[in-house]
Amino acid sequence: MVSLSSVDPQARQVLEARERLRQESICIVVRRLAAEGRIRQPCIVEQAMAVLIALTSFQTCDQMASLLETDFLALTEVLLPMIGAVVQDVAPKRVCVVLG
């Protein structure tokens, strides 16, 4: 889909809409985490949003999987410690519930 979006305006619109929805969803989750006091200091909500949006983007995950020669599911072990640097009490089960 990403490749197609470079030559097809409709595909680009669909991809951009999905990306906006993904980012909006992450912002909602981060606000909930902030309300629970789970954003690590000195990180502020906007920084947490930016970090999680970047870490969970298709491009980031695709490149990490390629560089590590692994699949997307194996990235959980790599991503959770990074997410844990921003969010307190990160557990695989909680991440799956939030993202799934």
C-alpha atoms as a PDB file:
ATOM      1  CA  MET A   1       0.000   0.000   0.000  1.00  0.00           C
ATOM      2  CA  VAL A   2       2.848   2.387   0.823  1.00  0.00           C
ATOM      3  CA  SER A   3       4.432   1.867  -2.591  1.00  0.00           C
ATOM      4  CA  LEU A   4       1.095   2.212  -4.345  1.00  0.00           C
ATOM      5  CA  SER A   5       0.418   5.496  -2.538  1.00  0.00           C
ATOM      6  CA  SER A   6       3.393   7.089  -4.263  1.00  0.00           C
ATOM      7  CA  VAL A   7       1.707   6.730  -7.668  1.00  0.00           C
ATOM      8  CA  ASP A   8      -2.005   6.559  -6.819  1.00  0.00           C
ATOM      9  CA  PRO A   9      -3.655   9.626  -5.235  1.00  0.00           C
ATOM     10  CA  GLN A  10      -6.589   7.573  -3.909  1.00  0.00           C
ATOM     11  CA  ALA A  11      -4.267   5.091  -2.226  1.00  0.00           C
ATOM     12  CA  ARG A  12      -2.349   8.021  -0.741  1.00  0.00           C
ATOM     13  CA  GLN A  13      -5.563   9.474   0.692  1.00  0.00           C
ATOM     14  CA  VAL A  14      -6.514   6.142   2.253  1.00  0.00           C
ATOM     15  CA  LEU A  15      -3.058   5.707   3.747  1.00  0.00           C
ATOM     16  CA  GLU A  16      -3.021   9.267   5.099  1.00  0.00           C
ATOM     17  CA  ALA A  17      -6.467   8.796   6.662  1.00  0.00           C
ATOM     18  CA  ARG A  18      -5.348   5.581   8.360  1.00  0.00           C
ATOM     19  CA  GLU A  19      -2.203   7.282   9.617  1.00  0.00           C
ATOM     20  CA  ARG A  20      -4.225  10.187  11.067  1.00  0.00           C
ATOM     21  CA  LEU A  21      -6.523   7.704  12.828  1.00  0.00           C
ATOM     22  CA  ARG A  22      -3.521   5.802  14.228  1.00  0.00           C
ATOM     23  CA  GLN A  23      -1.978   9.012  15.530  1.00  0.00           C
ATOM     24  CA  GLU A  24      -5.264  10.208  17.031  1.00  0.00           C
ATOM     25  CA  SER A  25      -5.715   6.832  18.749  1.00  0.00           C
ATOM     26  CA  ILE A  26      -2.234   7.012  20.245  1.00  0.00           C
ATOM     27  CA  CYS A  27      -2.939  10.533  21.500  1.00  0.00           C
ATOM     28  CA  ILE A  28      -6.096   9.270  23.240  1.00  0.00           C
ATOM     29  CA  VAL A  29      -4.139   6.449  24.885  1.00  0.00           C
ATOM     30  CA  VAL A  30      -1.372   8.821  26.011  1.00  0.00           C
ATOM     31  CA  ARG A  31      -3.913  11.211  27.534  1.00  0.00           C
ATOM     32  CA  ARG A  32      -5.422   8.278  29.465  1.00  0.00           C
ATOM     33  CA  LEU A  33      -1.973   7.241  30.645  1.00  0.00           C
ATOM     34  CA  ALA A  34      -1.249  10.822  31.704  1.00  0.00           C
ATOM     35  CA  ALA A  35      -4.533  10.954  33.640  1.00  0.00           C
ATOM     36  CA  GLU A  36      -3.380   7.808  35.466  1.00  0.00           C
ATOM     37  CA  GLY A  37      -0.020   9.444  36.197  1.00  0.00           C
ATOM     38  CA  ARG A  38       1.843   6.911  34.078  1.00  0.00           C
ATOM     39  CA  ILE A  39       3.924   9.220  31.880  1.00  0.00           C
ATOM     40  CA  ARG A  40       7.503   9.175  33.163  1.00  0.00           C
ATOM     41  CA  GLN A  41       9.045  12.442  34.253  1.00  0.00           C
ATOM     42  CA  PRO A  42      10.482  14.653  32.877  1.00  0.00           C
ATOM     43  CA  CYS A  43       8.541  13.650  29.754  1.00  0.00           C
ATOM     44  CA  ILE A  44       5.434  15.733  29.046  1.00  0.00           C
ATOM     45  CA  VAL A  45       2.316  14.484  27.296  1.00  0.00           C
ATOM     46  CA  GLU A  46       3.240  15.948  23.894  1.00  0.00           C
ATOM     47  CA  GLN A  47       6.676  14.312  24.035  1.00  0.00           C
ATOM     48  CA  ALA A  48       5.150  10.959  24.992  1.00  0.00           C
ATOM     49  CA  MET A  49       2.753  11.250  22.056  1.00  0.00           C
ATOM     50  CA  ALA A  50       5.593  12.020  19.645  1.00  0.00           C
ATOM     51  CA  VAL A  51       7.726   9.132  20.913  1.00  0.00           C
ATOM     52  CA  LEU A  52       4.925   6.566  20.737  1.00  0.00           C
ATOM     53  CA  ILE A  53       3.762   7.756  17.325  1.00  0.00           C
ATOM     54  CA  ALA A  54       7.317   7.465  15.995  1.00  0.00           C
ATOM     55  CA  LEU A  55       8.047   4.094  17.629  1.00  0.00           C
ATOM     56  CA  THR A  56       4.878   2.483  16.349  1.00  0.00           C
ATOM     57  CA  SER A  57       4.871   3.816  12.805  1.00  0.00           C
ATOM     58  CA  PHE A  58       4.935   1.327   9.958  1.00  0.00           C
ATOM     59  CA  GLN A  59       8.137   2.840   8.613  1.00  0.00           C
ATOM     60  CA  THR A  60       9.945   2.527  11.956  1.00  0.00           C
ATOM     61  CA  CYS A  61       8.774  -1.030  12.568  1.00  0.00           C
ATOM     62  CA  ASP A  62       9.506  -2.073   9.004  1.00  0.00           C
ATOM     63  CA  GLN A  63      13.044  -0.701   9.152  1.00  0.00           C
ATOM     64  CA  MET A  64      13.714  -2.211  12.577  1.00  0.00           C
ATOM     65  CA  ALA A  65      12.472  -5.611  11.456  1.00  0.00           C
ATOM     66  CA  SER A  66      14.663  -5.407   8.379  1.00  0.00           C
ATOM     67  CA  LEU A  67      17.777  -4.301  10.260  1.00  0.00           C
ATOM     68  CA  LEU A  68      17.255  -6.937  12.956  1.00  0.00           C
ATOM     69  CA  GLU A  69      16.280  -9.556  10.365  1.00  0.00           C
ATOM     70  CA  THR A  70      13.127 -10.468  12.240  1.00  0.00           C
ATOM     71  CA  ASP A  71       9.354 -10.181  11.909  1.00  0.00           C
ATOM     72  CA  PHE A  72       7.023  -7.590  13.362  1.00  0.00           C
ATOM     73  CA  LEU A  73       5.894  -9.804  16.251  1.00  0.00           C
ATOM     74  CA  ALA A  74       9.459 -10.165  17.495  1.00  0.00           C
ATOM     75  CA  LEU A  75       9.747  -6.390  17.741  1.00  0.00           C
ATOM     76  CA  THR A  76       7.731  -6.449  20.965  1.00  0.00           C
ATOM     77  CA  GLU A  77      10.895  -7.370  22.859  1.00  0.00           C
ATOM     78  CA  VAL A  78      12.700  -4.395  21.324  1.00  0.00           C
ATOM     79  CA  LEU A  79       9.884  -1.855  21.537  1.00  0.00           C
ATOM     80  CA  LEU A  80       8.633  -2.505  25.080  1.00  0.00           C
ATOM     81  CA  PRO A  81      11.791  -1.219  26.813  1.00  0.00           C
ATOM     82  CA  MET A  82      11.700   1.894  24.623  1.00  0.00           C
ATOM     83  CA  ILE A  83       8.031   2.468  25.400  1.00  0.00           C
ATOM     84  CA  GLY A  84       8.840   1.816  29.053  1.00  0.00           C
ATOM     85  CA  ALA A  85      11.239   4.752  28.991  1.00  0.00           C
ATOM     86  CA  VAL A  86       8.210   6.997  28.478  1.00  0.00           C
ATOM     87  CA  VAL A  87       5.360   5.055  30.117  1.00  0.00           C
ATOM     88  CA  GLN A  88       5.379   3.508  33.584  1.00  0.00           C
ATOM     89  CA  ASP A  89       4.234  -0.063  34.184  1.00  0.00           C
ATOM     90  CA  VAL A  90       4.434  -1.269  30.601  1.00  0.00           C
ATOM     91  CA  ALA A  91       3.565  -4.932  30.363  1.00  0.00           C
ATOM     92  CA  PRO A  92       3.115  -7.010  27.175  1.00  0.00           C
ATOM     93  CA  LYS A  93      -0.445  -7.897  28.114  1.00  0.00           C
ATOM     94  CA  ARG A  94      -1.394  -4.242  28.605  1.00  0.00           C
ATOM     95  CA  VAL A  95       0.211  -3.233  25.304  1.00  0.00           C
ATOM     96  CA  CYS A  96      -1.755  -5.912  23.445  1.00  0.00           C
ATOM     97  CA  VAL A  97      -5.006  -4.766  25.049  1.00  0.00           C
ATOM     98  CA  VAL A  98      -4.333  -1.129  24.143  1.00  0.00           C
ATOM     99  CA  LEU A  99      -3.176  -1.833  20.593  1.00  0.00           C
ATOM    100  CA  GLY A 100      -5.390  -4.818  19.863  1.00  0.00           C
END
